[in-house]
């Protein structure tokens, strides 16, 4: 039986999610209002363009989707712009590509995660080394510089306490499925504007957990300060009838975070994956 989605549809859904995230004002991150951290919005647009086809390709495993998308990104922009979002989007796209009539996306996602293999781990370890993300060092357990000896799910479980992307694999994407999708729907209902709803979603992730990219780069103290600042911003944001009135305040905070070299990359990755999950679920 053929899937409900073609590779072309999945590639478009992925690109839409990447572009939707870039159009939103996300303090501390690269977005349409401001570049940052040595990266430009054009780097991210180009990354989305070149990674869309490989990550959505039919008949690839989850691990292969991640590796070939990272490889295409490295060839195009020469730096790590999207490893976290690729790790999150690949299982969602794989689940959608194998989705049959009358089957839920979340049920297929659960199946996808539980079928992850040693081969998937090998491909993802190669992708991580190729992307060379900030804060990647040697690990005492399942070091990506050595050939994996466990499934990708086991590899992710071993890292879930220090990495919120890995946590999603271990907990069936709960932050996205149970929290993110609902928050984004509420924000769309309130403001009827995808970009401002996406900003609300990003602020939601900033306040829910310490951003693990920030923890790796700056430590828990800085990550906790970021959470407190985000909570105040989120409170003001949801209180307004027009988020555009918050734009100046958000941009001032954006400049402050970038001056402190704070980049909440994990929260941005979760934002992209939630936009993708929302689009796929809505299309079924």
C-alpha atoms as a PDB file:
ATOM      1  CA  UNK A   1       0.000   0.000   0.000  1.00  0.00           C
ATOM      2  CA  UNK A   2       1.266   3.463  -0.875  1.00  0.00           C
ATOM      3  CA  UNK A   3       1.734   6.095   1.806  1.00  0.00           C
ATOM      4  CA  UNK A   4      -0.650   9.041   2.088  1.00  0.00           C
ATOM      5  CA  UNK A   5       2.310  11.347   1.405  1.00  0.00           C
ATOM      6  CA  UNK A   6       4.662  11.508  -1.585  1.00  0.00           C
ATOM      7  CA  UNK A   7       8.350  12.444  -1.106  1.00  0.00           C
ATOM      8  CA  UNK A   8       7.599  15.746  -2.888  1.00  0.00           C
ATOM      9  CA  UNK A   9       4.831  16.559  -0.389  1.00  0.00           C
ATOM     10  CA  UNK A  10       7.072  15.648   2.547  1.00  0.00           C
ATOM     11  CA  UNK A  11       9.976  17.756   1.227  1.00  0.00           C
ATOM     12  CA  UNK A  12       7.612  20.720   0.858  1.00  0.00           C
ATOM     13  CA  UNK A  13       6.213  20.249   4.386  1.00  0.00           C
ATOM     14  CA  UNK A  14       9.777  20.169   5.738  1.00  0.00           C
ATOM     15  CA  UNK A  15      10.787  23.315   3.808  1.00  0.00           C
ATOM     16  CA  UNK A  16       7.622  25.106   4.923  1.00  0.00           C
ATOM     17  CA  UNK A  17       8.494  24.309   8.546  1.00  0.00           C
ATOM     18  CA  UNK A  18      12.079  25.556   8.187  1.00  0.00           C
ATOM     19  CA  UNK A  19      10.919  28.759   6.491  1.00  0.00           C
ATOM     20  CA  UNK A  20       8.088  29.280   8.976  1.00  0.00           C
ATOM     21  CA  UNK A  21      10.563  29.121  11.840  1.00  0.00           C
ATOM     22  CA  UNK A  22      12.898  31.602  10.123  1.00  0.00           C
ATOM     23  CA  UNK A  23      10.090  34.129   9.579  1.00  0.00           C
ATOM     24  CA  UNK A  24       9.359  34.250  13.315  1.00  0.00           C
ATOM     25  CA  UNK A  25      11.180  36.612  15.655  1.00  0.00           C
ATOM     26  CA  UNK A  26      13.072  34.211  17.920  1.00  0.00           C
ATOM     27  CA  UNK A  27      15.294  36.095  20.397  1.00  0.00           C
ATOM     28  CA  UNK A  28      18.850  34.759  20.520  1.00  0.00           C
ATOM     29  CA  UNK A  29      18.448  32.774  17.307  1.00  0.00           C
ATOM     30  CA  UNK A  30      18.858  33.546  13.603  1.00  0.00           C
ATOM     31  CA  UNK A  31      15.601  34.839  12.073  1.00  0.00           C
ATOM     32  CA  UNK A  32      14.250  37.196   9.415  1.00  0.00           C
ATOM     33  CA  UNK A  33      14.780  40.218  11.693  1.00  0.00           C
ATOM     34  CA  UNK A  34      18.397  39.483  12.619  1.00  0.00           C
ATOM     35  CA  UNK A  35      21.371  37.243  11.797  1.00  0.00           C
ATOM     36  CA  UNK A  36      23.685  36.086  14.573  1.00  0.00           C
ATOM     37  CA  UNK A  37      26.403  33.801  15.934  1.00  0.00           C
ATOM     38  CA  UNK A  38      28.400  33.982  12.696  1.00  0.00           C
ATOM     39  CA  UNK A  39      25.450  32.690  10.655  1.00  0.00           C
ATOM     40  CA  UNK A  40      23.013  34.447   8.312  1.00  0.00           C
ATOM     41  CA  UNK A  41      19.407  33.726   7.465  1.00  0.00           C
ATOM     42  CA  UNK A  42      20.621  32.888   3.950  1.00  0.00           C
ATOM     43  CA  UNK A  43      22.691  30.023   5.404  1.00  0.00           C
ATOM     44  CA  UNK A  44      19.512  28.563   6.882  1.00  0.00           C
ATOM     45  CA  UNK A  45      17.416  29.100   3.748  1.00  0.00           C
ATOM     46  CA  UNK A  46      20.084  27.363   1.680  1.00  0.00           C
ATOM     47  CA  UNK A  47      20.324  24.550   4.243  1.00  0.00           C
ATOM     48  CA  UNK A  48      16.563  23.989   4.069  1.00  0.00           C
ATOM     49  CA  UNK A  49      16.656  23.960   0.264  1.00  0.00           C
ATOM     50  CA  UNK A  50      19.433  21.392  -0.080  1.00  0.00           C
ATOM     51  CA  UNK A  51      18.383  19.101   2.796  1.00  0.00           C
ATOM     52  CA  UNK A  52      14.700  18.826   1.836  1.00  0.00           C
ATOM     53  CA  UNK A  53      15.083  16.203  -0.888  1.00  0.00           C
ATOM     54  CA  UNK A  54      17.399  13.779   0.977  1.00  0.00           C
ATOM     55  CA  UNK A  55      15.500  13.919   4.276  1.00  0.00           C
ATOM     56  CA  UNK A  56      12.180  13.247   2.523  1.00  0.00           C
ATOM     57  CA  UNK A  57      13.410  10.640   0.028  1.00  0.00           C
ATOM     58  CA  UNK A  58      11.412   7.428  -0.279  1.00  0.00           C
ATOM     59  CA  UNK A  59      12.829   4.125   1.025  1.00  0.00           C
ATOM     60  CA  UNK A  60      15.606   5.654   3.150  1.00  0.00           C
ATOM     61  CA  UNK A  61      16.012   4.691   6.810  1.00  0.00           C
ATOM     62  CA  UNK A  62      15.853   7.344   9.553  1.00  0.00           C
ATOM     63  CA  UNK A  63      19.642   7.269   9.898  1.00  0.00           C
ATOM     64  CA  UNK A  64      20.192   7.623   6.155  1.00  0.00           C
ATOM     65  CA  UNK A  65      17.790  10.566   6.006  1.00  0.00           C
ATOM     66  CA  UNK A  66      19.803  12.364   8.695  1.00  0.00           C
ATOM     67  CA  UNK A  67      23.198  11.597   7.171  1.00  0.00           C
ATOM     68  CA  UNK A  68      22.397  12.581   3.576  1.00  0.00           C
ATOM     69  CA  UNK A  69      20.663  15.778   4.723  1.00  0.00           C
ATOM     70  CA  UNK A  70      23.690  16.721   6.866  1.00  0.00           C
ATOM     71  CA  UNK A  71      26.030  15.890   3.969  1.00  0.00           C
ATOM     72  CA  UNK A  72      24.048  18.132   1.586  1.00  0.00           C
ATOM     73  CA  UNK A  73      24.062  20.942   4.161  1.00  0.00           C
ATOM     74  CA  UNK A  74      27.813  20.733   4.714  1.00  0.00           C
ATOM     75  CA  UNK A  75      28.457  20.872   0.957  1.00  0.00           C
ATOM     76  CA  UNK A  76      26.213  23.928   0.608  1.00  0.00           C
ATOM     77  CA  UNK A  77      27.048  26.080   3.650  1.00  0.00           C
ATOM     78  CA  UNK A  78      30.079  24.424   5.254  1.00  0.00           C
ATOM     79  CA  UNK A  79      28.810  24.650   8.833  1.00  0.00           C
ATOM     80  CA  UNK A  80      26.285  23.095  11.188  1.00  0.00           C
ATOM     81  CA  UNK A  81      23.040  24.992  10.734  1.00  0.00           C
ATOM     82  CA  UNK A  82      20.523  22.198  11.181  1.00  0.00           C
ATOM     83  CA  UNK A  83      21.716  18.967  12.862  1.00  0.00           C
ATOM     84  CA  UNK A  84      19.208  19.147  15.730  1.00  0.00           C
ATOM     85  CA  UNK A  85      16.236  19.862  13.498  1.00  0.00           C
ATOM     86  CA  UNK A  86      17.265  17.086  11.083  1.00  0.00           C
ATOM     87  CA  UNK A  87      17.455  14.607  13.971  1.00  0.00           C
ATOM     88  CA  UNK A  88      13.941  15.630  14.998  1.00  0.00           C
ATOM     89  CA  UNK A  89      12.395  15.901  11.540  1.00  0.00           C
ATOM     90  CA  UNK A  90      13.758  12.620  10.139  1.00  0.00           C
ATOM     91  CA  UNK A  91      11.601  10.306  12.331  1.00  0.00           C
ATOM     92  CA  UNK A  92       8.525  12.471  11.697  1.00  0.00           C
ATOM     93  CA  UNK A  93       9.052  12.340   7.937  1.00  0.00           C
ATOM     94  CA  UNK A  94       9.847   8.620   8.060  1.00  0.00           C
ATOM     95  CA  UNK A  95       6.630   7.988  10.003  1.00  0.00           C
ATOM     96  CA  UNK A  96       4.632  10.074   7.512  1.00  0.00           C
ATOM     97  CA  UNK A  97       6.231   8.289   4.551  1.00  0.00           C
ATOM     98  CA  UNK A  98       5.084   4.941   5.979  1.00  0.00           C
ATOM     99  CA  UNK A  99       1.656   6.131   7.104  1.00  0.00           C
ATOM    100  CA  UNK A 100      -1.290   4.066   5.888  1.00  0.00           C
ATOM    101  CA  UNK A 101      -4.982   4.954   5.720  1.00  0.00           C
ATOM    102  CA  UNK A 102      -6.739   5.053   9.114  1.00  0.00           C
ATOM    103  CA  UNK A 103      -3.403   5.104  10.957  1.00  0.00           C
ATOM    104  CA  UNK A 104      -2.428   7.969  13.277  1.00  0.00           C
ATOM    105  CA  UNK A 105       0.830   9.843  12.700  1.00  0.00           C
ATOM    106  CA  UNK A 106       1.696   9.515  16.388  1.00  0.00           C
ATOM    107  CA  UNK A 107       1.117   5.750  16.320  1.00  0.00           C
ATOM    108  CA  UNK A 108       3.391   5.396  13.301  1.00  0.00           C
ATOM    109  CA  UNK A 109       5.992   7.649  14.962  1.00  0.00           C
ATOM    110  CA  UNK A 110       6.018   5.335  18.004  1.00  0.00           C
ATOM    111  CA  UNK A 111       6.528   2.375  15.673  1.00  0.00           C
ATOM    112  CA  UNK A 112       9.304   4.201  13.796  1.00  0.00           C
ATOM    113  CA  UNK A 113      11.225   5.012  16.983  1.00  0.00           C
ATOM    114  CA  UNK A 114      10.951   1.457  18.311  1.00  0.00           C
ATOM    115  CA  UNK A 115      12.233  -0.001  15.050  1.00  0.00           C
ATOM    116  CA  UNK A 116      15.409   2.117  15.000  1.00  0.00           C
ATOM    117  CA  UNK A 117      18.430  -0.111  14.428  1.00  0.00           C
ATOM    118  CA  UNK A 118      22.173  -0.332  14.899  1.00  0.00           C
ATOM    119  CA  UNK A 119      22.455   0.683  11.245  1.00  0.00           C
ATOM    120  CA  UNK A 120      20.512   3.885  12.020  1.00  0.00           C
ATOM    121  CA  UNK A 121      22.943   4.578  14.862  1.00  0.00           C
ATOM    122  CA  UNK A 122      25.929   4.156  12.516  1.00  0.00           C
ATOM    123  CA  UNK A 123      24.473   6.628   9.996  1.00  0.00           C
ATOM    124  CA  UNK A 124      23.584   9.182  12.685  1.00  0.00           C
ATOM    125  CA  UNK A 125      27.000   8.911  14.373  1.00  0.00           C
ATOM    126  CA  UNK A 126      28.613   9.654  10.986  1.00  0.00           C
ATOM    127  CA  UNK A 127      26.236  12.599  10.520  1.00  0.00           C
ATOM    128  CA  UNK A 128      27.061  14.053  13.951  1.00  0.00           C
ATOM    129  CA  UNK A 129      30.806  13.818  13.341  1.00  0.00           C
ATOM    130  CA  UNK A 130      30.351  15.422   9.904  1.00  0.00           C
ATOM    131  CA  UNK A 131      28.232  18.278  11.302  1.00  0.00           C
ATOM    132  CA  UNK A 132      30.636  18.738  14.253  1.00  0.00           C
ATOM    133  CA  UNK A 133      28.131  20.582  16.486  1.00  0.00           C
ATOM    134  CA  UNK A 134      29.285  23.002  19.172  1.00  0.00           C
ATOM    135  CA  UNK A 135      29.981  21.346  22.502  1.00  0.00           C
ATOM    136  CA  UNK A 136      30.615  17.912  20.978  1.00  0.00           C
ATOM    137  CA  UNK A 137      33.366  16.217  22.926  1.00  0.00           C
ATOM    138  CA  UNK A 138      34.359  12.685  23.791  1.00  0.00           C
ATOM    139  CA  UNK A 139      31.739  10.672  25.639  1.00  0.00           C
ATOM    140  CA  UNK A 140      32.265   7.820  28.065  1.00  0.00           C
ATOM    141  CA  UNK A 141      29.225   6.031  26.646  1.00  0.00           C
ATOM    142  CA  UNK A 142      28.371   5.534  22.951  1.00  0.00           C
ATOM    143  CA  UNK A 143      30.940   8.051  21.692  1.00  0.00           C
ATOM    144  CA  UNK A 144      29.957   9.065  18.134  1.00  0.00           C
ATOM    145  CA  UNK A 145      33.635   9.039  17.131  1.00  0.00           C
ATOM    146  CA  UNK A 146      33.589   5.264  17.597  1.00  0.00           C
ATOM    147  CA  UNK A 147      31.384   2.813  15.718  1.00  0.00           C
ATOM    148  CA  UNK A 148      28.100   2.377  17.657  1.00  0.00           C
ATOM    149  CA  UNK A 149      27.306  -0.978  19.240  1.00  0.00           C
ATOM    150  CA  UNK A 150      23.641  -0.277  20.081  1.00  0.00           C
ATOM    151  CA  UNK A 151      20.501   0.838  18.219  1.00  0.00           C
ATOM    152  CA  UNK A 152      19.880   4.531  17.572  1.00  0.00           C
ATOM    153  CA  UNK A 153      17.116   4.486  20.180  1.00  0.00           C
ATOM    154  CA  UNK A 154      19.539   3.114  22.796  1.00  0.00           C
ATOM    155  CA  UNK A 155      22.150   5.680  21.766  1.00  0.00           C
ATOM    156  CA  UNK A 156      19.609   8.466  22.246  1.00  0.00           C
ATOM    157  CA  UNK A 157      18.432   7.071  25.591  1.00  0.00           C
ATOM    158  CA  UNK A 158      21.985   7.249  26.913  1.00  0.00           C
ATOM    159  CA  UNK A 159      22.112  11.001  26.096  1.00  0.00           C
ATOM    160  CA  UNK A 160      18.567  12.021  27.045  1.00  0.00           C
ATOM    161  CA  UNK A 161      19.477  13.594  30.394  1.00  0.00           C
ATOM    162  CA  UNK A 162      21.822  16.115  28.793  1.00  0.00           C
ATOM    163  CA  UNK A 163      20.215  16.625  25.390  1.00  0.00           C
ATOM    164  CA  UNK A 164      16.558  17.496  24.778  1.00  0.00           C
ATOM    165  CA  UNK A 165      16.693  16.261  21.156  1.00  0.00           C
ATOM    166  CA  UNK A 166      17.768  12.824  22.386  1.00  0.00           C
ATOM    167  CA  UNK A 167      15.028  13.034  25.039  1.00  0.00           C
ATOM    168  CA  UNK A 168      12.399  13.212  22.291  1.00  0.00           C
ATOM    169  CA  UNK A 169      13.522   9.860  20.882  1.00  0.00           C
ATOM    170  CA  UNK A 170      13.318   8.268  24.328  1.00  0.00           C
ATOM    171  CA  UNK A 171       9.897   9.754  25.108  1.00  0.00           C
ATOM    172  CA  UNK A 172       8.055   9.504  21.789  1.00  0.00           C
ATOM    173  CA  UNK A 173       8.489  13.219  21.008  1.00  0.00           C
ATOM    174  CA  UNK A 174       6.315  14.260  23.978  1.00  0.00           C
ATOM    175  CA  UNK A 175       7.560  17.868  24.012  1.00  0.00           C
ATOM    176  CA  UNK A 176       6.395  18.195  20.412  1.00  0.00           C
ATOM    177  CA  UNK A 177       3.282  16.003  20.303  1.00  0.00           C
ATOM    178  CA  UNK A 178       1.782  16.820  23.727  1.00  0.00           C
ATOM    179  CA  UNK A 179       3.087  20.343  24.318  1.00  0.00           C
ATOM    180  CA  UNK A 180       4.273  22.062  21.134  1.00  0.00           C
ATOM    181  CA  UNK A 181       1.470  21.135  18.728  1.00  0.00           C
ATOM    182  CA  UNK A 182      -1.199  22.232  21.225  1.00  0.00           C
ATOM    183  CA  UNK A 183       0.566  25.474  22.143  1.00  0.00           C
ATOM    184  CA  UNK A 184       1.005  26.392  18.467  1.00  0.00           C
ATOM    185  CA  UNK A 185      -2.691  25.672  17.794  1.00  0.00           C
ATOM    186  CA  UNK A 186      -3.692  27.901  20.745  1.00  0.00           C
ATOM    187  CA  UNK A 187      -1.435  30.717  19.519  1.00  0.00           C
ATOM    188  CA  UNK A 188      -2.835  30.472  15.969  1.00  0.00           C
ATOM    189  CA  UNK A 189      -6.346  30.641  17.383  1.00  0.00           C
ATOM    190  CA  UNK A 190      -5.475  33.725  19.464  1.00  0.00           C
ATOM    191  CA  UNK A 191      -3.623  35.798  16.843  1.00  0.00           C
ATOM    192  CA  UNK A 192      -4.414  34.161  13.464  1.00  0.00           C
ATOM    193  CA  UNK A 193      -0.846  34.782  12.339  1.00  0.00           C
ATOM    194  CA  UNK A 194       1.630  31.938  11.801  1.00  0.00           C
ATOM    195  CA  UNK A 195       4.796  33.973  12.405  1.00  0.00           C
ATOM    196  CA  UNK A 196       3.619  35.412  15.742  1.00  0.00           C
ATOM    197  CA  UNK A 197       2.222  32.003  16.753  1.00  0.00           C
ATOM    198  CA  UNK A 198       5.654  30.546  16.039  1.00  0.00           C
ATOM    199  CA  UNK A 199       7.296  33.151  18.286  1.00  0.00           C
ATOM    200  CA  UNK A 200       4.868  32.089  21.031  1.00  0.00           C
ATOM    201  CA  UNK A 201       5.801  28.455  20.429  1.00  0.00           C
ATOM    202  CA  UNK A 202       9.531  29.249  20.669  1.00  0.00           C
ATOM    203  CA  UNK A 203       8.988  31.190  23.920  1.00  0.00           C
ATOM    204  CA  UNK A 204       7.050  28.188  25.207  1.00  0.00           C
ATOM    205  CA  UNK A 205      10.012  25.889  24.648  1.00  0.00           C
ATOM    206  CA  UNK A 206      12.381  28.427  26.235  1.00  0.00           C
ATOM    207  CA  UNK A 207      10.305  28.416  29.411  1.00  0.00           C
ATOM    208  CA  UNK A 208       9.482  24.681  29.573  1.00  0.00           C
ATOM    209  CA  UNK A 209      13.036  23.350  30.022  1.00  0.00           C
ATOM    210  CA  UNK A 210      16.576  24.686  30.177  1.00  0.00           C
ATOM    211  CA  UNK A 211      17.826  24.838  26.576  1.00  0.00           C
ATOM    212  CA  UNK A 212      20.368  22.017  26.374  1.00  0.00           C
ATOM    213  CA  UNK A 213      22.411  23.733  23.664  1.00  0.00           C
ATOM    214  CA  UNK A 214      22.863  26.677  26.043  1.00  0.00           C
ATOM    215  CA  UNK A 215      23.667  24.294  28.930  1.00  0.00           C
ATOM    216  CA  UNK A 216      26.412  22.626  26.850  1.00  0.00           C
ATOM    217  CA  UNK A 217      27.953  25.946  25.797  1.00  0.00           C
ATOM    218  CA  UNK A 218      27.505  28.079  28.916  1.00  0.00           C
ATOM    219  CA  UNK A 219      26.431  25.877  31.829  1.00  0.00           C
ATOM    220  CA  UNK A 220      23.225  25.455  33.807  1.00  0.00           C
ATOM    221  CA  UNK A 221      23.449  28.843  35.511  1.00  0.00           C
ATOM    222  CA  UNK A 222      23.233  30.777  32.246  1.00  0.00           C
ATOM    223  CA  UNK A 223      20.528  28.418  30.935  1.00  0.00           C
ATOM    224  CA  UNK A 224      18.426  29.067  34.061  1.00  0.00           C
ATOM    225  CA  UNK A 225      18.837  32.843  33.704  1.00  0.00           C
ATOM    226  CA  UNK A 226      17.629  32.472  30.101  1.00  0.00           C
ATOM    227  CA  UNK A 227      14.554  30.565  31.310  1.00  0.00           C
ATOM    228  CA  UNK A 228      13.678  33.291  33.819  1.00  0.00           C
ATOM    229  CA  UNK A 229      14.052  36.032  31.201  1.00  0.00           C
ATOM    230  CA  UNK A 230      11.908  33.972  28.815  1.00  0.00           C
ATOM    231  CA  UNK A 231       9.144  33.522  31.407  1.00  0.00           C
ATOM    232  CA  UNK A 232       8.812  37.276  31.852  1.00  0.00           C
ATOM    233  CA  UNK A 233       8.798  37.805  28.085  1.00  0.00           C
ATOM    234  CA  UNK A 234       6.245  35.037  27.568  1.00  0.00           C
ATOM    235  CA  UNK A 235       3.917  36.499  30.182  1.00  0.00           C
ATOM    236  CA  UNK A 236       3.966  39.902  28.463  1.00  0.00           C
ATOM    237  CA  UNK A 237       3.590  38.276  25.047  1.00  0.00           C
ATOM    238  CA  UNK A 238       0.450  36.296  25.823  1.00  0.00           C
ATOM    239  CA  UNK A 239      -1.089  39.326  27.555  1.00  0.00           C
ATOM    240  CA  UNK A 240      -1.032  41.422  24.378  1.00  0.00           C
ATOM    241  CA  UNK A 241      -3.822  41.480  21.798  1.00  0.00           C
ATOM    242  CA  UNK A 242      -1.294  42.393  19.098  1.00  0.00           C
ATOM    243  CA  UNK A 243       2.174  40.737  19.242  1.00  0.00           C
ATOM    244  CA  UNK A 244       3.600  43.421  16.929  1.00  0.00           C
ATOM    245  CA  UNK A 245       3.477  45.729  19.948  1.00  0.00           C
ATOM    246  CA  UNK A 246       6.068  43.378  21.517  1.00  0.00           C
ATOM    247  CA  UNK A 247       8.441  43.551  18.562  1.00  0.00           C
ATOM    248  CA  UNK A 248      10.740  46.255  19.958  1.00  0.00           C
ATOM    249  CA  UNK A 249      10.989  44.499  23.349  1.00  0.00           C
ATOM    250  CA  UNK A 250      11.739  41.170  21.659  1.00  0.00           C
ATOM    251  CA  UNK A 251      14.438  42.730  19.469  1.00  0.00           C
ATOM    252  CA  UNK A 252      16.119  44.382  22.466  1.00  0.00           C
ATOM    253  CA  UNK A 253      16.218  40.987  24.211  1.00  0.00           C
ATOM    254  CA  UNK A 254      17.441  39.378  20.969  1.00  0.00           C
ATOM    255  CA  UNK A 255      20.374  41.810  20.820  1.00  0.00           C
ATOM    256  CA  UNK A 256      21.148  41.221  24.503  1.00  0.00           C
ATOM    257  CA  UNK A 257      21.239  37.430  24.081  1.00  0.00           C
ATOM    258  CA  UNK A 258      23.449  37.669  21.003  1.00  0.00           C
ATOM    259  CA  UNK A 259      25.811  40.063  22.791  1.00  0.00           C
ATOM    260  CA  UNK A 260      26.126  37.397  25.497  1.00  0.00           C
ATOM    261  CA  UNK A 261      26.626  34.717  22.782  1.00  0.00           C
ATOM    262  CA  UNK A 262      23.531  32.853  23.996  1.00  0.00           C
ATOM    263  CA  UNK A 263      21.924  30.838  21.193  1.00  0.00           C
ATOM    264  CA  UNK A 264      18.915  28.721  22.283  1.00  0.00           C
ATOM    265  CA  UNK A 265      19.430  26.288  19.419  1.00  0.00           C
ATOM    266  CA  UNK A 266      17.544  23.356  20.942  1.00  0.00           C
ATOM    267  CA  UNK A 267      14.403  25.449  21.397  1.00  0.00           C
ATOM    268  CA  UNK A 268      14.650  26.514  17.743  1.00  0.00           C
ATOM    269  CA  UNK A 269      15.033  22.867  16.647  1.00  0.00           C
ATOM    270  CA  UNK A 270      11.956  21.874  18.663  1.00  0.00           C
ATOM    271  CA  UNK A 271      10.081  24.763  17.054  1.00  0.00           C
ATOM    272  CA  UNK A 272      10.844  23.544  13.514  1.00  0.00           C
ATOM    273  CA  UNK A 273       9.848  19.978  14.398  1.00  0.00           C
ATOM    274  CA  UNK A 274       6.566  21.169  15.939  1.00  0.00           C
ATOM    275  CA  UNK A 275       5.691  23.152  12.819  1.00  0.00           C
ATOM    276  CA  UNK A 276       6.390  20.028  10.756  1.00  0.00           C
ATOM    277  CA  UNK A 277       4.374  17.762  13.074  1.00  0.00           C
ATOM    278  CA  UNK A 278       1.482  20.255  12.995  1.00  0.00           C
ATOM    279  CA  UNK A 279       1.479  20.456   9.197  1.00  0.00           C
ATOM    280  CA  UNK A 280       1.658  16.675   8.750  1.00  0.00           C
ATOM    281  CA  UNK A 281      -1.063  15.995  11.329  1.00  0.00           C
ATOM    282  CA  UNK A 282      -3.317  18.668   9.825  1.00  0.00           C
ATOM    283  CA  UNK A 283      -2.837  17.221   6.306  1.00  0.00           C
ATOM    284  CA  UNK A 284      -4.023  13.728   7.268  1.00  0.00           C
END
